[in-house]
Amino acid sequence: MALSYKARRRWSLIILVVGLPIYIVLASVLATTVVRLLGDSGLVFLLQLAIYVGLGIAWILPFKSIFLGIGQADPDADPED
């Protein structure tokens, strides 16, 4: 069942305000753990960069259908509004 435009707007707001900060903290903890385990070298920087870039792209993939078209006008609304 597809979500309505209003439901997608609500869920996108919840995801951005609540879910994304939690995800950022978890990604930071993961990258910091890698540095602690492997020490401080040049390769650790590249691995940490790969973690941040990979997780920065990966968080949106499950939510792509929710965010699609949110910035546009409501397609179900009356044209008079």
PDB file of N, CA and C in Angstrom:
ATOM      1  N   MET A   1       0.845  -1.180   0.000  1.00  0.00           N
ATOM      2  CA  MET A   1       0.000   0.000   0.000  1.00  0.00           C
ATOM      3  C   MET A   1       0.892   1.246   0.000  1.00  0.00           C
ATOM      4  N   ALA A   2       0.620   2.132  -0.910  1.00  0.00           N
ATOM      5  CA  ALA A   2       1.404   3.360  -1.032  1.00  0.00           C
ATOM      6  C   ALA A   2       0.933   4.380  -0.002  1.00  0.00           C
ATOM      7  N   LEU A   3       1.875   5.128   0.508  1.00  0.00           N
ATOM      8  CA  LEU A   3       1.555   6.170   1.481  1.00  0.00           C
ATOM      9  C   LEU A   3       1.030   7.410   0.768  1.00  0.00           C
ATOM     10  N   SER A   4       0.143   8.120   1.404  1.00  0.00           N
ATOM     11  CA  SER A   4      -0.344   9.369   0.837  1.00  0.00           C
ATOM     12  C   SER A   4       0.739  10.432   0.924  1.00  0.00           C
ATOM     13  N   TYR A   5       0.507  11.527   0.230  1.00  0.00           N
ATOM     14  CA  TYR A   5       1.477  12.617   0.224  1.00  0.00           C
ATOM     15  C   TYR A   5       1.689  13.173   1.629  1.00  0.00           C
ATOM     16  N   LYS A   6       0.596  13.358   2.378  1.00  0.00           N
ATOM     17  CA  LYS A   6       0.705  13.900   3.742  1.00  0.00           C
ATOM     18  C   LYS A   6       1.438  12.925   4.663  1.00  0.00           C
ATOM     19  N   ALA A   7       1.184  11.646   4.506  1.00  0.00           N
ATOM     20  CA  ALA A   7       1.865  10.650   5.334  1.00  0.00           C
ATOM     21  C   ALA A   7       3.363  10.620   5.012  1.00  0.00           C
ATOM     22  N   ARG A   8       3.704  10.722   3.736  1.00  0.00           N
ATOM     23  CA  ARG A   8       5.117  10.751   3.365  1.00  0.00           C
ATOM     24  C   ARG A   8       5.805  11.997   3.908  1.00  0.00           C
ATOM     25  N   ARG A   9       5.110  13.139   3.913  1.00  0.00           N
ATOM     26  CA  ARG A   9       5.694  14.362   4.479  1.00  0.00           C
ATOM     27  C   ARG A   9       5.939  14.210   5.975  1.00  0.00           C
ATOM     28  N   ARG A  10       4.975  13.610   6.678  1.00  0.00           N
ATOM     29  CA  ARG A  10       5.144  13.399   8.120  1.00  0.00           C
ATOM     30  C   ARG A  10       6.301  12.451   8.407  1.00  0.00           C
ATOM     31  N   TRP A  11       6.346  11.332   7.688  1.00  0.00           N
ATOM     32  CA  TRP A  11       7.418  10.361   7.909  1.00  0.00           C
ATOM     33  C   TRP A  11       8.775  10.942   7.552  1.00  0.00           C
ATOM     34  N   SER A  12       8.846  11.744   6.497  1.00  0.00           N
ATOM     35  CA  SER A  12      10.133  12.346   6.142  1.00  0.00           C
ATOM     36  C   SER A  12      10.599  13.301   7.227  1.00  0.00           C
ATOM     37  N   LEU A  13       9.684  14.037   7.831  1.00  0.00           N
ATOM     38  CA  LEU A  13      10.050  14.935   8.926  1.00  0.00           C
ATOM     39  C   LEU A  13      10.558  14.147  10.135  1.00  0.00           C
ATOM     40  N   ILE A  14       9.879  13.069  10.478  1.00  0.00           N
ATOM     41  CA  ILE A  14      10.303  12.233  11.607  1.00  0.00           C
ATOM     42  C   ILE A  14      11.678  11.624  11.334  1.00  0.00           C
ATOM     43  N   ILE A  15      11.875  11.152  10.110  1.00  0.00           N
ATOM     44  CA  ILE A  15      13.169  10.549   9.755  1.00  0.00           C
ATOM     45  C   ILE A  15      14.289  11.573   9.863  1.00  0.00           C
ATOM     46  N   LEU A  16      14.057  12.794   9.378  1.00  0.00           N
ATOM     47  CA  LEU A  16      15.102  13.811   9.397  1.00  0.00           C
ATOM     48  C   LEU A  16      15.371  14.371  10.789  1.00  0.00           C
ATOM     49  N   VAL A  17      14.331  14.526  11.594  1.00  0.00           N
ATOM     50  CA  VAL A  17      14.502  15.156  12.909  1.00  0.00           C
ATOM     51  C   VAL A  17      14.945  14.160  13.975  1.00  0.00           C
ATOM     52  N   VAL A  18      14.464  12.934  13.902  1.00  0.00           N
ATOM     53  CA  VAL A  18      14.773  11.946  14.937  1.00  0.00           C
ATOM     54  C   VAL A  18      15.793  10.909  14.447  1.00  0.00           C
ATOM     55  N   GLY A  19      15.520  10.319  13.300  1.00  0.00           N
ATOM     56  CA  GLY A  19      16.343   9.210  12.832  1.00  0.00           C
ATOM     57  C   GLY A  19      17.727   9.594  12.371  1.00  0.00           C
ATOM     58  N   LEU A  20      17.843  10.684  11.643  1.00  0.00           N
ATOM     59  CA  LEU A  20      19.139  11.076  11.106  1.00  0.00           C
ATOM     60  C   LEU A  20      20.161  11.432  12.185  1.00  0.00           C
ATOM     61  N   PRO A  21      19.806  12.186  13.233  1.00  0.00           N
ATOM     62  CA  PRO A  21      20.792  12.420  14.295  1.00  0.00           C
ATOM     63  C   PRO A  21      21.263  11.136  14.985  1.00  0.00           C
ATOM     64  N   ILE A  22      20.356  10.204  15.186  1.00  0.00           N
ATOM     65  CA  ILE A  22      20.747   8.920  15.777  1.00  0.00           C
ATOM     66  C   ILE A  22      21.706   8.181  14.844  1.00  0.00           C
ATOM     67  N   TYR A  23      21.413   8.202  13.568  1.00  0.00           N
ATOM     68  CA  TYR A  23      22.264   7.551  12.576  1.00  0.00           C
ATOM     69  C   TYR A  23      23.648   8.199  12.521  1.00  0.00           C
ATOM     70  N   ILE A  24      23.701   9.520  12.632  1.00  0.00           N
ATOM     71  CA  ILE A  24      24.983  10.228  12.618  1.00  0.00           C
ATOM     72  C   ILE A  24      25.834   9.830  13.817  1.00  0.00           C
ATOM     73  N   VAL A  25      25.218   9.732  14.983  1.00  0.00           N
ATOM     74  CA  VAL A  25      25.959   9.332  16.184  1.00  0.00           C
ATOM     75  C   VAL A  25      26.492   7.905  16.025  1.00  0.00           C
ATOM     76  N   LEU A  26      25.674   7.005  15.510  1.00  0.00           N
ATOM     77  CA  LEU A  26      26.123   5.625  15.316  1.00  0.00           C
ATOM     78  C   LEU A  26      27.266   5.543  14.301  1.00  0.00           C
ATOM     79  N   ALA A  27      27.198   6.320  13.225  1.00  0.00           N
ATOM     80  CA  ALA A  27      28.279   6.326  12.232  1.00  0.00           C
ATOM     81  C   ALA A  27      29.555   6.880  12.837  1.00  0.00           C
ATOM     82  N   SER A  28      29.444   7.890  13.663  1.00  0.00           N
ATOM     83  CA  SER A  28      30.613   8.472  14.316  1.00  0.00           C
ATOM     84  C   SER A  28      31.248   7.489  15.291  1.00  0.00           C
ATOM     85  N   VAL A  29      30.419   6.788  16.044  1.00  0.00           N
ATOM     86  CA  VAL A  29      30.932   5.786  16.984  1.00  0.00           C
ATOM     87  C   VAL A  29      31.638   4.664  16.222  1.00  0.00           C
ATOM     88  N   LEU A  30      31.076   4.237  15.100  1.00  0.00           N
ATOM     89  CA  LEU A  30      31.697   3.189  14.303  1.00  0.00           C
ATOM     90  C   LEU A  30      33.048   3.638  13.759  1.00  0.00           C
ATOM     91  N   ALA A  31      33.121   4.840  13.231  1.00  0.00           N
ATOM     92  CA  ALA A  31      34.383   5.344  12.685  1.00  0.00           C
ATOM     93  C   ALA A  31      35.425   5.545  13.786  1.00  0.00           C
ATOM     94  N   THR A  32      35.008   6.004  14.947  1.00  0.00           N
ATOM     95  CA  THR A  32      35.936   6.183  16.068  1.00  0.00           C
ATOM     96  C   THR A  32      36.448   4.838  16.574  1.00  0.00           C
ATOM     97  N   THR A  33      35.597   3.836  16.583  1.00  0.00           N
ATOM     98  CA  THR A  33      36.001   2.495  17.003  1.00  0.00           C
ATOM     99  C   THR A  33      37.058   1.929  16.057  1.00  0.00           C
ATOM    100  N   VAL A  34      36.917   2.183  14.770  1.00  0.00           N
ATOM    101  CA  VAL A  34      37.904   1.722  13.796  1.00  0.00           C
ATOM    102  C   VAL A  34      39.256   2.362  14.087  1.00  0.00           C
ATOM    103  N   VAL A  35      39.269   3.651  14.396  1.00  0.00           N
ATOM    104  CA  VAL A  35      40.524   4.341  14.705  1.00  0.00           C
ATOM    105  C   VAL A  35      41.153   3.755  15.961  1.00  0.00           C
ATOM    106  N   ARG A  36      40.367   3.473  16.967  1.00  0.00           N
ATOM    107  CA  ARG A  36      40.902   2.911  18.216  1.00  0.00           C
ATOM    108  C   ARG A  36      41.459   1.504  18.004  1.00  0.00           C
ATOM    109  N   LEU A  37      40.803   0.706  17.173  1.00  0.00           N
ATOM    110  CA  LEU A  37      41.244  -0.661  16.954  1.00  0.00           C
ATOM    111  C   LEU A  37      42.500  -0.740  16.088  1.00  0.00           C
ATOM    112  N   LEU A  38      42.600   0.100  15.077  1.00  0.00           N
ATOM    113  CA  LEU A  38      43.692   0.003  14.128  1.00  0.00           C
ATOM    114  C   LEU A  38      44.832   0.974  14.402  1.00  0.00           C
ATOM    115  N   GLY A  39      44.688   1.837  15.366  1.00  0.00           N
ATOM    116  CA  GLY A  39      45.737   2.811  15.633  1.00  0.00           C
ATOM    117  C   GLY A  39      45.553   4.039  14.761  1.00  0.00           C
ATOM    118  N   ASP A  40      46.564   4.883  14.746  1.00  0.00           N
ATOM    119  CA  ASP A  40      46.467   6.130  14.004  1.00  0.00           C
ATOM    120  C   ASP A  40      47.496   6.126  12.880  1.00  0.00           C
ATOM    121  N   SER A  41      47.039   5.768  11.675  1.00  0.00           N
ATOM    122  CA  SER A  41      47.930   5.750  10.518  1.00  0.00           C
ATOM    123  C   SER A  41      47.198   6.338   9.317  1.00  0.00           C
ATOM    124  N   GLY A  42      47.885   6.430   8.205  1.00  0.00           N
ATOM    125  CA  GLY A  42      47.286   6.991   7.001  1.00  0.00           C
ATOM    126  C   GLY A  42      46.168   6.136   6.443  1.00  0.00           C
ATOM    127  N   LEU A  43      46.300   4.815   6.565  1.00  0.00           N
ATOM    128  CA  LEU A  43      45.262   3.924   6.063  1.00  0.00           C
ATOM    129  C   LEU A  43      43.983   4.021   6.877  1.00  0.00           C
ATOM    130  N   VAL A  44      44.117   4.325   8.143  1.00  0.00           N
ATOM    131  CA  VAL A  44      42.935   4.464   8.993  1.00  0.00           C
ATOM    132  C   VAL A  44      42.109   5.659   8.534  1.00  0.00           C
ATOM    133  N   PHE A  45      42.781   6.734   8.127  1.00  0.00           N
ATOM    134  CA  PHE A  45      42.066   7.902   7.628  1.00  0.00           C
ATOM    135  C   PHE A  45      41.245   7.551   6.399  1.00  0.00           C
ATOM    136  N   LEU A  46      41.839   6.788   5.473  1.00  0.00           N
ATOM    137  CA  LEU A  46      41.115   6.395   4.270  1.00  0.00           C
ATOM    138  C   LEU A  46      39.955   5.464   4.585  1.00  0.00           C
ATOM    139  N   LEU A  47      40.155   4.560   5.535  1.00  0.00           N
ATOM    140  CA  LEU A  47      39.072   3.664   5.943  1.00  0.00           C
ATOM    141  C   LEU A  47      37.952   4.447   6.623  1.00  0.00           C
ATOM    142  N   GLN A  48      38.328   5.394   7.450  1.00  0.00           N
ATOM    143  CA  GLN A  48      37.338   6.223   8.124  1.00  0.00           C
ATOM    144  C   GLN A  48      36.567   7.068   7.106  1.00  0.00           C
ATOM    145  N   LEU A  49      37.243   7.609   6.131  1.00  0.00           N
ATOM    146  CA  LEU A  49      36.589   8.369   5.073  1.00  0.00           C
ATOM    147  C   LEU A  49      35.615   7.490   4.292  1.00  0.00           C
ATOM    148  N   ALA A  50      36.036   6.266   3.987  1.00  0.00           N
ATOM    149  CA  ALA A  50      35.166   5.331   3.270  1.00  0.00           C
ATOM    150  C   ALA A  50      33.928   4.989   4.096  1.00  0.00           C
ATOM    151  N   ILE A  51      34.087   4.840   5.403  1.00  0.00           N
ATOM    152  CA  ILE A  51      32.948   4.562   6.278  1.00  0.00           C
ATOM    153  C   ILE A  51      31.963   5.718   6.252  1.00  0.00           C
ATOM    154  N   TYR A  52      32.469   6.947   6.404  1.00  0.00           N
ATOM    155  CA  TYR A  52      31.581   8.112   6.408  1.00  0.00           C
ATOM    156  C   TYR A  52      30.867   8.292   5.068  1.00  0.00           C
ATOM    157  N   VAL A  53      31.582   8.134   3.967  1.00  0.00           N
ATOM    158  CA  VAL A  53      30.962   8.298   2.655  1.00  0.00           C
ATOM    159  C   VAL A  53      29.950   7.186   2.395  1.00  0.00           C
ATOM    160  N   GLY A  54      30.340   5.948   2.704  1.00  0.00           N
ATOM    161  CA  GLY A  54      29.433   4.818   2.493  1.00  0.00           C
ATOM    162  C   GLY A  54      28.163   4.919   3.312  1.00  0.00           C
ATOM    163  N   LEU A  55      28.308   5.225   4.589  1.00  0.00           N
ATOM    164  CA  LEU A  55      27.120   5.356   5.435  1.00  0.00           C
ATOM    165  C   LEU A  55      26.326   6.610   5.098  1.00  0.00           C
ATOM    166  N   GLY A  56      27.003   7.645   4.605  1.00  0.00           N
ATOM    167  CA  GLY A  56      26.300   8.857   4.204  1.00  0.00           C
ATOM    168  C   GLY A  56      25.394   8.633   3.006  1.00  0.00           C
ATOM    169  N   ILE A  57      25.776   7.712   2.146  1.00  0.00           N
ATOM    170  CA  ILE A  57      24.940   7.366   0.995  1.00  0.00           C
ATOM    171  C   ILE A  57      23.923   6.287   1.364  1.00  0.00           C
ATOM    172  N   ALA A  58      24.316   5.347   2.192  1.00  0.00           N
ATOM    173  CA  ALA A  58      23.475   4.182   2.490  1.00  0.00           C
ATOM    174  C   ALA A  58      22.219   4.513   3.297  1.00  0.00           C
ATOM    175  N   TRP A  59      22.223   5.596   4.064  1.00  0.00           N
ATOM    176  CA  TRP A  59      21.060   5.869   4.913  1.00  0.00           C
ATOM    177  C   TRP A  59      19.826   6.238   4.095  1.00  0.00           C
ATOM    178  N   ILE A  60      20.013   6.798   2.924  1.00  0.00           N
ATOM    179  CA  ILE A  60      18.870   7.263   2.140  1.00  0.00           C
ATOM    180  C   ILE A  60      18.221   6.153   1.326  1.00  0.00           C
ATOM    181  N   LEU A  61      18.944   5.092   1.021  1.00  0.00           N
ATOM    182  CA  LEU A  61      18.419   4.051   0.139  1.00  0.00           C
ATOM    183  C   LEU A  61      17.102   3.433   0.621  1.00  0.00           C
ATOM    184  N   PRO A  62      16.946   3.088   1.895  1.00  0.00           N
ATOM    185  CA  PRO A  62      15.655   2.525   2.309  1.00  0.00           C
ATOM    186  C   PRO A  62      14.516   3.554   2.320  1.00  0.00           C
ATOM    187  N   PHE A  63      14.859   4.831   2.356  1.00  0.00           N
ATOM    188  CA  PHE A  63      13.840   5.873   2.479  1.00  0.00           C
ATOM    189  C   PHE A  63      13.617   6.642   1.182  1.00  0.00           C
ATOM    190  N   LYS A  64      14.155   6.169   0.103  1.00  0.00           N
ATOM    191  CA  LYS A  64      14.065   6.889  -1.166  1.00  0.00           C
ATOM    192  C   LYS A  64      12.611   7.120  -1.581  1.00  0.00           C
ATOM    193  N   SER A  65      11.762   6.137  -1.422  1.00  0.00           N
ATOM    194  CA  SER A  65      10.361   6.287  -1.840  1.00  0.00           C
ATOM    195  C   SER A  65       9.599   7.270  -0.956  1.00  0.00           C
ATOM    196  N   ILE A  66      10.022   7.431   0.280  1.00  0.00           N
ATOM    197  CA  ILE A  66       9.346   8.377   1.176  1.00  0.00           C
ATOM    198  C   ILE A  66       9.691   9.809   0.802  1.00  0.00           C
ATOM    199  N   PHE A  67      10.946  10.065   0.461  1.00  0.00           N
ATOM    200  CA  PHE A  67      11.389  11.425   0.159  1.00  0.00           C
ATOM    201  C   PHE A  67      11.090  11.861  -1.273  1.00  0.00           C
ATOM    202  N   LEU A  68      10.700  10.947  -2.135  1.00  0.00           N
ATOM    203  CA  LEU A  68      10.469  11.256  -3.531  1.00  0.00           C
ATOM    204  C   LEU A  68       9.276  12.206  -3.697  1.00  0.00           C
ATOM    205  N   GLY A  69       9.507  13.398  -4.218  1.00  0.00           N
ATOM    206  CA  GLY A  69       8.442  14.353  -4.500  1.00  0.00           C
ATOM    207  C   GLY A  69       7.947  15.161  -3.329  1.00  0.00           C
ATOM    208  N   ILE A  70       8.629  15.118  -2.196  1.00  0.00           N
ATOM    209  CA  ILE A  70       8.171  15.839  -1.003  1.00  0.00           C
ATOM    210  C   ILE A  70       8.251  17.349  -1.187  1.00  0.00           C
ATOM    211  N   GLY A  71       9.207  17.841  -1.945  1.00  0.00           N
ATOM    212  CA  GLY A  71       9.371  19.278  -2.121  1.00  0.00           C
ATOM    213  C   GLY A  71       8.395  19.897  -3.110  1.00  0.00           C
ATOM    214  N   GLN A  72       7.567  19.090  -3.745  1.00  0.00           N
ATOM    215  CA  GLN A  72       6.626  19.591  -4.720  1.00  0.00           C
ATOM    216  C   GLN A  72       5.260  19.815  -4.079  1.00  0.00           C
ATOM    217  N   ALA A  73       4.384  20.442  -4.803  1.00  0.00           N
ATOM    218  CA  ALA A  73       3.023  20.679  -4.300  1.00  0.00           C
ATOM    219  C   ALA A  73       2.269  19.355  -4.181  1.00  0.00           C
ATOM    220  N   ASP A  74       1.283  19.350  -3.316  1.00  0.00           N
ATOM    221  CA  ASP A  74       0.482  18.168  -3.066  1.00  0.00           C
ATOM    222  C   ASP A  74      -0.299  17.809  -4.348  1.00  0.00           C
ATOM    223  N   PRO A  75      -0.053  16.627  -4.918  1.00  0.00           N
ATOM    224  CA  PRO A  75      -0.754  16.270  -6.158  1.00  0.00           C
ATOM    225  C   PRO A  75      -2.239  15.978  -5.932  1.00  0.00           C
ATOM    226  N   ASP A  76      -2.651  15.706  -4.701  1.00  0.00           N
ATOM    227  CA  ASP A  76      -4.044  15.405  -4.412  1.00  0.00           C
ATOM    228  C   ASP A  76      -4.852  16.647  -4.024  1.00  0.00           C
ATOM    229  N   ALA A  77      -4.199  17.765  -3.845  1.00  0.00           N
ATOM    230  CA  ALA A  77      -4.891  18.980  -3.428  1.00  0.00           C
ATOM    231  C   ALA A  77      -5.639  19.610  -4.593  1.00  0.00           C
ATOM    232  N   ASP A  78      -6.636  20.417  -4.270  1.00  0.00           N
ATOM    233  CA  ASP A  78      -7.380  21.145  -5.291  1.00  0.00           C
ATOM    234  C   ASP A  78      -6.475  22.192  -5.926  1.00  0.00           C
ATOM    235  N   PRO A  79      -6.572  22.410  -7.231  1.00  0.00           N
ATOM    236  CA  PRO A  79      -5.723  23.408  -7.873  1.00  0.00           C
ATOM    237  C   PRO A  79      -6.023  24.835  -7.398  1.00  0.00           C
ATOM    238  N   GLU A  80      -7.153  25.047  -6.784  1.00  0.00           N
ATOM    239  CA  GLU A  80      -7.534  26.375  -6.318  1.00  0.00           C
ATOM    240  C   GLU A  80      -6.766  26.803  -5.073  1.00  0.00           C
ATOM    241  N   ASP A  81      -6.218  25.834  -4.318  1.00  0.00           N
ATOM    242  CA  ASP A  81      -5.519  26.158  -3.051  1.00  0.00           C
ATOM    243  C   ASP A  81      -4.202  26.746  -3.275  1.00  0.00           C
TER     244      ASP A  81
END
